[in-house]
Protein backbone atom coordinates (compact mmCIF):
# COMPACT_ATOMS: atom_id res chain seq x y z
CA MET A 1 60.84 -13.26 18.92
CA PRO A 2 59.70 -12.48 22.38
CA GLU A 3 56.76 -14.48 23.44
CA SER A 4 54.37 -11.46 23.87
CA GLU A 5 55.06 -10.52 20.00
CA THR A 6 53.48 -13.88 18.69
CA ALA A 7 50.00 -14.82 18.37
CA LEU A 8 50.50 -18.12 20.32
CA GLY A 9 53.39 -17.53 22.55
CA ASP A 10 51.84 -18.81 25.72
CA ILE A 11 50.60 -22.00 24.31
CA ARG A 12 52.12 -25.45 24.79
CA VAL A 13 51.38 -28.10 22.06
CA LEU A 14 52.33 -31.82 22.58
CA ASP A 15 52.40 -33.09 19.02
CA LEU A 16 51.77 -36.92 18.64
CA ALA A 17 50.75 -36.42 15.14
CA GLY A 18 51.75 -38.71 12.30
CA GLU A 19 51.92 -37.69 8.66
CA ALA A 20 48.22 -36.72 8.74
CA GLY A 21 48.40 -33.93 11.56
CA GLN A 22 51.98 -32.65 11.42
CA TYR A 23 50.92 -29.76 8.89
CA CYS A 24 48.57 -28.73 11.61
CA THR A 25 51.17 -28.39 14.36
CA LYS A 26 53.73 -26.57 12.09
CA LEU A 27 50.92 -24.03 11.49
CA LEU A 28 50.67 -23.61 15.28
CA ALA A 29 54.42 -23.68 15.82
CA ASP A 30 55.02 -20.83 13.28
CA LEU A 31 52.50 -18.83 15.08
CA GLY A 32 54.61 -18.91 18.10
CA ALA A 33 53.09 -21.91 20.02
CA ASP A 34 55.59 -24.06 21.85
CA VAL A 35 55.26 -27.35 19.73
CA ILE A 36 57.11 -30.15 21.42
CA LYS A 37 57.18 -33.06 18.98
CA ILE A 38 57.22 -36.37 20.62
CA GLU A 39 58.67 -39.04 18.84
CA PRO A 40 59.26 -42.79 19.24
CA PRO A 41 63.14 -43.56 20.41
CA GLY A 42 64.15 -44.22 16.83
CA GLY A 43 62.76 -40.83 15.21
CA ASP A 44 59.61 -40.37 13.57
CA PRO A 45 58.83 -42.59 10.36
CA VAL A 46 57.92 -39.32 8.25
CA ARG A 47 61.68 -38.62 8.58
CA ALA A 48 62.48 -41.26 6.19
CA LEU A 49 60.08 -40.11 3.53
CA PRO A 50 61.45 -38.42 0.12
CA PRO A 51 62.33 -36.17 -1.41
CA TYR A 52 65.81 -35.70 0.24
CA TYR A 53 68.18 -33.04 0.37
CA HIS A 54 71.03 -33.79 -2.02
CA ASP A 55 70.02 -37.46 -1.71
CA ASN A 56 70.76 -37.32 2.03
CA THR A 57 68.35 -39.74 3.42
CA GLU A 58 68.77 -38.35 6.83
CA ALA A 59 67.30 -35.05 5.39
CA SER A 60 63.77 -35.42 4.19
CA LEU A 61 62.64 -32.28 2.79
CA TYR A 62 59.22 -33.49 3.33
CA TRP A 63 59.64 -34.02 6.96
CA LEU A 64 61.55 -30.75 7.13
CA ASN A 65 58.74 -28.52 5.85
CA LEU A 66 56.21 -30.16 8.13
CA ASN A 67 58.07 -29.61 11.49
CA THR A 68 59.57 -26.03 11.49
CA SER A 69 59.65 -23.96 14.80
CA LYS A 70 59.18 -27.38 16.96
CA ARG A 71 61.21 -28.80 19.70
CA SER A 72 62.03 -32.68 19.78
CA VAL A 73 61.79 -35.30 22.63
CA THR A 74 61.98 -39.11 22.30
CA LEU A 75 59.36 -41.02 24.38
CA ASN A 76 57.94 -44.81 24.11
CA LEU A 77 54.22 -44.50 24.74
CA ASP A 78 54.03 -48.32 24.96
CA ASP A 79 56.33 -48.53 28.00
CA GLU A 80 54.59 -47.61 31.48
CA SER A 81 57.67 -45.25 32.19
CA GLY A 82 57.06 -43.42 29.20
CA ARG A 83 53.62 -42.86 29.59
CA ALA A 84 54.26 -41.38 33.17
CA LEU A 85 56.65 -38.86 31.72
CA PHE A 86 54.08 -38.06 28.83
CA LYS A 87 51.62 -37.48 31.67
CA ARG A 88 54.03 -34.96 33.60
CA LEU A 89 54.10 -33.18 29.85
CA VAL A 90 50.25 -32.87 29.90
CA ALA A 91 50.29 -31.12 33.16
CA GLY A 92 51.73 -28.18 31.41
CA ALA A 93 50.16 -28.26 27.94
CA ASP A 94 47.15 -26.46 26.61
CA ILE A 95 46.74 -28.86 23.27
CA ILE A 96 47.51 -32.28 22.47
CA VAL A 97 47.43 -33.06 18.46
CA GLU A 98 47.24 -36.99 17.68
CA SER A 99 46.70 -39.07 14.66
CA PHE A 100 46.27 -42.63 15.85
CA GLN A 101 43.77 -45.03 15.23
CA PRO A 102 40.65 -44.28 17.18
CA GLY A 103 40.69 -46.01 20.64
CA TYR A 104 44.55 -46.34 20.88
CA LEU A 105 45.21 -43.72 23.37
CA ALA A 106 42.42 -44.66 25.60
CA GLY A 107 43.59 -48.38 25.33
CA ILE A 108 46.82 -47.14 26.77
CA GLY A 109 45.30 -45.09 29.39
CA LEU A 110 45.78 -41.49 27.47
CA GLY A 111 42.27 -41.14 26.22
CA TYR A 112 40.50 -37.72 26.54
CA ASP A 113 39.09 -38.49 29.77
CA ASP A 114 42.46 -39.70 31.18
CA LEU A 115 44.03 -36.76 29.76
CA ALA A 116 41.37 -34.37 31.32
CA ALA A 117 41.84 -35.94 34.89
CA ILE A 118 45.38 -34.75 34.70
CA LYS A 119 44.58 -31.10 33.12
CA GLU A 120 40.85 -30.24 33.52
CA ASP A 121 41.11 -27.94 30.56
CA ILE A 122 43.14 -29.78 27.98
CA ILE A 123 42.26 -29.64 24.29
CA LEU A 124 42.61 -33.06 22.47
CA THR A 125 42.50 -32.61 18.58
CA SER A 126 42.44 -36.20 16.72
CA ILE A 127 42.94 -36.13 13.41
CA THR A 128 41.98 -39.63 11.30
CA GLY A 129 40.87 -40.70 8.14
CA PHE A 130 37.18 -41.18 8.96
CA GLY A 131 36.52 -39.69 12.55
CA GLN A 132 36.27 -41.42 15.95
CA ASP A 133 33.16 -43.38 15.31
CA GLY A 134 31.06 -44.91 12.52
CA PRO A 135 31.45 -48.29 10.40
CA HIS A 136 34.61 -46.81 8.99
CA ALA A 137 36.34 -45.28 11.94
CA HIS A 138 39.10 -48.03 12.17
CA TYR A 139 39.71 -48.13 8.53
CA LYS A 140 43.46 -47.34 7.54
CA ALA A 141 43.55 -43.94 5.62
CA PRO A 142 46.72 -42.86 3.95
CA ASP A 143 46.15 -39.60 1.90
CA ILE A 144 45.14 -41.56 -1.06
CA VAL A 145 42.49 -43.13 0.61
CA GLY A 146 41.23 -39.77 1.93
CA VAL A 147 41.05 -38.19 -1.45
CA ALA A 148 39.32 -40.83 -2.92
CA ALA A 149 36.58 -41.44 -0.17
CA GLY A 150 36.35 -37.48 0.33
CA GLY A 151 35.46 -37.01 -3.52
CA VAL A 152 38.14 -34.89 -4.57
CA MET A 153 39.78 -37.82 -6.69
CA TRP A 154 36.43 -38.14 -8.82
CA LEU A 155 36.93 -34.49 -9.96
CA ALA A 156 40.70 -34.49 -10.60
CA GLY A 157 42.09 -35.31 -13.96
CA GLU A 158 41.14 -34.85 -17.72
CA PRO A 159 37.53 -36.04 -18.67
CA MET A 160 38.53 -39.13 -20.60
CA ASP A 161 40.86 -40.27 -17.95
CA PRO A 162 40.26 -42.11 -14.76
CA PRO A 163 40.12 -40.26 -11.52
CA ASN A 164 43.47 -38.97 -10.72
CA VAL A 165 45.43 -38.17 -7.16
CA PRO A 166 45.93 -34.47 -6.65
CA PRO A 167 49.62 -33.40 -5.67
CA TRP A 168 51.12 -33.36 -2.25
CA ARG A 169 49.07 -34.99 0.29
CA GLN A 170 45.90 -33.00 -0.09
CA GLY A 171 44.12 -35.01 2.54
CA PHE A 172 46.64 -34.59 5.03
CA VAL A 173 46.93 -30.72 4.39
CA SER A 174 43.20 -30.30 4.33
CA ALA A 175 42.64 -32.18 7.66
CA SER A 176 45.56 -30.34 9.17
CA ILE A 177 43.98 -27.19 8.33
CA ILE A 178 41.00 -28.12 9.83
CA GLY A 179 42.61 -29.48 13.04
CA ALA A 180 44.58 -26.10 13.36
CA ALA A 181 41.31 -23.92 12.79
CA SER A 182 39.09 -26.09 15.19
CA SER A 183 42.07 -25.97 17.88
CA LEU A 184 42.31 -22.16 17.80
CA ILE A 185 38.39 -22.20 18.22
CA ALA A 186 38.61 -24.56 21.22
CA LEU A 187 41.20 -22.32 22.65
CA PHE A 188 38.89 -19.31 22.42
CA HIS A 189 36.14 -21.24 24.19
CA ARG A 190 38.54 -22.43 26.75
CA ASP A 191 39.62 -18.74 27.35
CA GLN A 192 35.88 -17.79 27.67
CA SER A 193 34.48 -20.88 29.82
CA GLY A 194 37.65 -22.44 31.45
CA GLU A 195 36.60 -25.97 29.46
CA GLY A 196 38.59 -28.03 27.56
CA GLN A 197 37.35 -30.51 24.80
CA HIS A 198 37.94 -33.46 22.53
CA ILE A 199 38.12 -32.43 18.82
CA ASP A 200 37.22 -35.02 16.26
CA VAL A 201 38.55 -34.33 12.73
CA SER A 202 37.77 -36.25 9.55
CA MET A 203 40.00 -36.42 6.63
CA GLN A 204 37.12 -37.41 4.42
CA GLU A 205 34.86 -34.88 5.91
CA ALA A 206 37.31 -32.12 5.41
CA LEU A 207 38.01 -33.16 1.80
CA SER A 208 34.31 -33.38 1.31
CA LEU A 209 34.25 -29.68 1.61
CA ALA A 210 36.62 -29.29 -1.11
CA GLN A 211 34.44 -30.38 -4.08
CA GLU A 212 33.46 -26.93 -5.56
CA THR A 213 29.76 -27.50 -6.63
CA ALA A 214 29.93 -31.42 -6.61
CA MET A 215 27.56 -32.03 -3.64
CA GLN A 216 25.11 -29.14 -4.63
CA THR A 217 25.10 -30.38 -8.19
CA TRP A 218 23.92 -33.81 -7.13
CA ASP A 219 21.61 -32.47 -4.12
CA MET A 220 19.69 -30.27 -6.51
CA LEU A 221 20.09 -31.59 -10.10
CA GLU A 222 20.64 -35.35 -9.14
CA ALA A 223 23.72 -34.96 -11.72
CA VAL A 224 27.02 -36.08 -11.25
CA ARG A 225 29.89 -33.50 -11.76
CA SER A 226 32.32 -34.71 -14.36
CA ARG A 227 36.17 -34.12 -14.47
CA ALA A 228 36.97 -31.04 -16.32
CA GLY A 229 40.77 -31.09 -15.96
CA SER A 230 42.61 -28.32 -17.92
CA ARG A 231 39.51 -26.63 -18.70
CA GLY A 232 38.48 -25.60 -15.07
CA ILE A 233 35.02 -25.97 -14.07
CA ILE A 234 33.67 -25.80 -17.88
CA PRO A 235 32.47 -29.08 -18.79
CA PHE A 236 33.11 -28.51 -22.67
CA ASP A 237 35.76 -27.08 -24.89
CA ILE A 238 35.32 -23.41 -24.88
CA PRO A 239 38.26 -21.45 -27.13
CA GLY A 240 40.25 -19.12 -24.65
CA ILE A 241 39.13 -21.13 -21.42
CA GLY A 242 41.57 -23.51 -20.02
CA VAL A 243 45.41 -24.51 -20.32
CA TYR A 244 47.10 -23.32 -23.42
CA GLU A 245 50.74 -24.16 -24.17
CA CYS A 246 53.43 -21.61 -24.81
CA SER A 247 56.94 -21.64 -26.08
CA ASP A 248 58.21 -21.96 -22.32
CA GLY A 249 55.32 -23.33 -20.59
CA HIS A 250 51.58 -22.77 -19.86
CA VAL A 251 48.80 -20.32 -19.05
CA PHE A 252 45.37 -20.58 -17.98
CA GLY A 253 42.71 -18.55 -19.88
CA TYR A 254 39.36 -17.22 -18.98
CA VAL A 255 38.58 -15.00 -22.12
CA GLY A 256 35.56 -13.37 -22.22
CA ALA A 257 34.53 -13.79 -18.32
CA PRO A 258 33.38 -10.71 -16.46
CA GLY A 259 36.05 -8.24 -15.56
CA GLY A 260 37.98 -8.73 -18.67
CA ALA A 261 37.97 -7.83 -22.28
CA PRO A 262 35.82 -9.92 -24.82
CA TRP A 263 37.07 -12.35 -27.09
CA SER A 264 37.31 -9.86 -30.07
CA GLU A 265 40.23 -8.29 -28.23
CA LEU A 266 42.08 -11.24 -28.52
CA LEU A 267 40.91 -11.68 -32.09
CA ALA A 268 42.52 -8.05 -32.58
CA TRP A 269 45.73 -9.27 -31.13
CA MET A 270 46.08 -12.33 -32.99
CA ASP A 271 45.34 -10.24 -36.08
CA GLU A 272 47.77 -7.64 -35.59
CA GLU A 273 50.45 -10.64 -35.66
CA GLY A 274 49.22 -12.02 -38.81
CA LEU A 275 47.97 -15.11 -36.66
CA ALA A 276 44.36 -15.15 -36.81
CA GLU A 277 44.08 -17.07 -40.05
CA ASP A 278 40.39 -16.99 -41.03
CA LEU A 279 38.81 -16.31 -37.87
CA THR A 280 38.28 -12.64 -38.86
CA GLU A 281 35.90 -13.83 -41.57
CA GLU A 282 32.33 -15.11 -41.22
CA PRO A 283 30.80 -17.26 -39.59
CA TYR A 284 33.52 -17.11 -37.00
CA LYS A 285 34.10 -13.46 -36.45
CA GLU A 286 30.46 -13.26 -35.47
CA PHE A 287 30.57 -16.31 -33.28
CA ILE A 288 33.91 -14.81 -31.79
CA ASP A 289 31.81 -11.48 -31.08
CA ASN A 290 29.36 -13.22 -29.08
CA LEU A 291 31.81 -15.82 -27.15
CA ASN A 292 31.30 -14.68 -23.51
CA LEU A 293 29.67 -15.76 -20.50
CA ARG A 294 26.19 -15.26 -21.83
CA PHE A 295 27.16 -17.64 -24.53
CA LEU A 296 28.18 -20.36 -21.77
CA THR A 297 24.94 -19.89 -19.93
CA THR A 298 22.86 -20.37 -22.98
CA PHE A 299 24.80 -23.05 -24.65
CA THR A 300 22.33 -25.52 -24.27
CA GLU A 301 19.21 -23.66 -24.69
CA ASP A 302 18.94 -24.56 -28.29
CA PRO A 303 19.70 -28.56 -28.44
CA ALA A 304 19.63 -28.44 -32.46
CA ALA A 305 22.39 -25.83 -32.53
CA ILE A 306 24.96 -27.50 -30.42
CA SER A 307 26.63 -29.59 -32.88
CA GLU A 308 27.13 -26.53 -35.15
CA LYS A 309 28.45 -24.61 -32.12
CA ILE A 310 30.94 -27.25 -31.01
CA GLN A 311 32.18 -27.56 -34.61
CA THR A 312 32.81 -23.81 -35.11
CA MET A 313 34.70 -23.95 -31.74
CA THR A 314 36.61 -27.05 -32.79
CA HIS A 315 37.57 -24.91 -35.60
CA ILE A 316 38.69 -21.92 -33.57
CA ALA A 317 40.49 -23.60 -30.61
CA PRO A 318 43.70 -25.00 -33.03
CA VAL A 319 44.12 -21.46 -34.17
CA LEU A 320 44.38 -19.88 -30.74
CA ARG A 321 46.59 -22.63 -29.77
CA LYS A 322 48.96 -22.03 -32.62
CA PHE A 323 49.22 -18.51 -31.42
CA THR A 324 49.98 -19.18 -27.83
CA ALA A 325 52.61 -21.63 -28.91
CA THR A 326 54.61 -18.58 -30.35
CA LYS A 327 54.49 -16.80 -26.93
CA THR A 328 56.37 -17.12 -23.94
CA LYS A 329 53.92 -17.30 -20.79
CA TRP A 330 55.07 -13.71 -19.63
CA GLU A 331 54.15 -12.40 -22.87
CA MET A 332 50.82 -13.79 -22.74
CA TYR A 333 50.39 -12.46 -19.35
CA GLU A 334 51.75 -9.25 -19.62
CA GLN A 335 50.30 -8.27 -23.17
CA GLY A 336 46.82 -9.66 -21.56
CA GLN A 337 47.07 -7.49 -18.67
CA LYS A 338 47.50 -4.52 -21.30
CA ARG A 339 44.53 -5.52 -23.06
CA ARG A 340 42.45 -6.66 -20.07
CA LEU A 341 42.61 -10.30 -21.39
CA LEU A 342 42.59 -12.66 -18.61
CA TRP A 343 45.57 -14.80 -18.82
CA GLY A 344 47.27 -16.34 -15.93
CA ILE A 345 50.78 -18.13 -15.84
CA VAL A 346 50.52 -21.79 -14.77
CA SER A 347 53.67 -21.49 -12.31
CA THR A 348 56.19 -24.04 -11.93
CA PRO A 349 58.15 -24.20 -8.56
CA LYS A 350 61.04 -22.41 -10.35
CA ASP A 351 58.30 -19.65 -11.38
CA LEU A 352 57.33 -19.25 -7.58
CA ALA A 353 61.12 -18.93 -6.52
CA GLU A 354 61.61 -16.25 -9.06
CA ASN A 355 58.15 -14.69 -8.94
CA PRO A 356 58.68 -10.76 -8.36
CA GLN A 357 55.48 -10.40 -6.40
CA LEU A 358 56.45 -13.13 -3.87
CA LYS A 359 59.88 -11.93 -3.71
CA ALA A 360 58.62 -8.10 -2.84
CA ARG A 361 56.68 -9.73 -0.10
CA LYS A 362 59.80 -11.90 1.12
CA TRP A 363 57.60 -15.08 0.93
CA LEU A 364 60.27 -17.60 0.62
CA THR A 365 61.85 -17.67 4.25
CA PRO A 366 65.41 -18.61 4.62
CA VAL A 367 66.34 -20.89 7.65
CA GLU A 368 69.77 -21.66 8.53
CA HIS A 369 70.80 -25.52 9.03
CA PRO A 370 74.06 -25.97 10.37
CA GLU A 371 73.83 -29.78 10.26
CA LEU A 372 73.54 -29.49 6.73
CA LYS A 373 76.00 -26.64 6.31
CA ALA A 374 73.27 -25.00 4.12
CA THR A 375 70.35 -22.37 4.38
CA LEU A 376 67.25 -23.40 2.92
CA ASP A 377 64.60 -21.43 1.54
CA TYR A 378 60.99 -22.49 3.18
CA PRO A 379 57.39 -21.65 1.63
CA GLY A 380 56.13 -18.63 3.62
CA THR A 381 52.49 -17.99 4.86
CA PRO A 382 49.62 -16.57 2.87
CA TYR A 383 48.62 -14.35 5.75
CA ARG A 384 50.23 -11.34 7.53
CA LEU A 385 49.46 -10.35 11.16
CA SER A 386 50.41 -6.82 11.82
CA GLU A 387 50.94 -7.00 15.57
CA THR A 388 51.70 -10.86 16.14
CA PRO A 389 53.72 -11.72 12.89
CA TRP A 390 53.93 -15.32 11.62
CA ALA A 391 57.80 -16.51 11.61
CA ILE A 392 59.75 -19.65 11.42
CA HIS A 393 61.41 -19.61 14.74
CA ALA A 394 63.76 -22.38 14.52
CA ARG A 395 64.97 -24.86 11.85
CA PRO A 396 63.24 -28.33 12.35
CA PRO A 397 64.70 -30.04 15.13
CA LEU A 398 67.08 -33.28 15.10
CA VAL A 399 65.67 -36.50 16.95
CA GLY A 400 65.15 -35.85 20.51
CA GLU A 401 67.43 -32.68 20.37
CA HIS A 402 65.48 -31.30 23.31
CA ASN A 403 65.51 -34.15 25.63
CA GLN A 404 67.76 -32.55 28.35
CA GLN A 405 66.25 -29.10 27.91
CA ILE A 406 62.61 -30.46 28.37
CA PHE A 407 62.65 -33.42 30.67
CA GLY A 408 65.94 -32.20 32.34
CA GLU A 409 65.76 -28.76 33.03
CA GLU A 410 62.08 -28.31 32.66
CA LEU A 411 60.60 -31.39 34.43
CA GLY A 412 63.38 -31.97 36.55
CA VAL A 413 64.54 -35.62 35.46
CA SER A 414 67.71 -36.41 37.33
CA GLU A 415 70.64 -38.05 35.14
CA SER A 416 70.43 -41.48 37.27
CA GLU A 417 66.40 -41.33 36.16
CA TRP A 418 67.17 -40.57 32.72
CA HIS A 419 69.86 -43.26 32.34
CA GLU A 420 67.19 -45.94 33.95
CA LEU A 421 64.62 -44.58 31.59
CA GLU A 422 67.00 -45.14 28.69
CA THR A 423 67.95 -48.71 29.68
CA GLN A 424 64.44 -49.73 29.91
CA GLY A 425 63.45 -48.26 26.38
CA ALA A 426 61.23 -45.67 27.69
CA VAL A 427 63.07 -42.70 25.89
């Protein structure tokens, strides 16, 4: 795709990020930025992380997903000649993204002030566990530490279980999204003012934004939000709200919520199929007729009646579970749509790959991998830009695949210089 047709086609990004920031640079690369992945001579350690393509430890699916549309060079920043070569790259860059411990780059002469002396309007985006200052700034912060310190782990899991770890590096993903967004904001500011800046992204703070109403609940009520697990945000087991097992998977229900049909419509469906048992009789029928959002908001108004309400719901819930177990998840979804009942499919990865809506929008993006003799489908993007479309412009690079192109052709490093750099371990 021509540079002029991409959103960031005139932007160059130097990617020094470890695992915490590679999704940030992927977001920029797939929008057209020329992202140069700078790896140590032995390759980025993230390349070794599972899962692997057909158990090939040289083909980490995790690394591949994070590094589409990038180019790769090798540089040893602990070597003086390697740093000198990096500075030559800085002179032509717009953004640098890094995730080293605070102070590391400054300690080797590559701090923000050093970089700004080379290119006055450079933007340095630093993504770390706790930010560049404060008492925890130098703490090690893998993803699990981020989701714990940011409060998200407290909300993940079932109420009676210990706090749980959310799936797929949510700490790194959240920090990377914030890093990409703030980098674009800094680019806009640079274009308006000519000024670069240092962006300080804290994974803990990024995750603290993802706690739904937990912070407000404490701030206003001095109450601690508990884990709701499969019930969603409802703190007790309301029939029709939460995850229900089907014959081939699961659905999530929110029956009785605004915009959907009332519980009585679900009861009518169950009765049509002879699976309502005694729920069409009193006192259950009257209770079901009033099982709606107002019920939820007034649940605790009469403390004396709470026990009776819970007992009634405890009777209704297993009848509904037996009903959903006779249906496939698509039956629950499609019949629910016809009856305006709010049931959604709990999608597995296989479901997503076969989802008709995602197929119609060509969400999965095929990318050829000659080195694997395969074409792999990559997740697409949740946004569509009409004039500057998102695209995966190239498969993820091999280690140092673009050394000659970038150092030789673009920076003019001669063969003899390159041989010397290799000999001293700078590249």
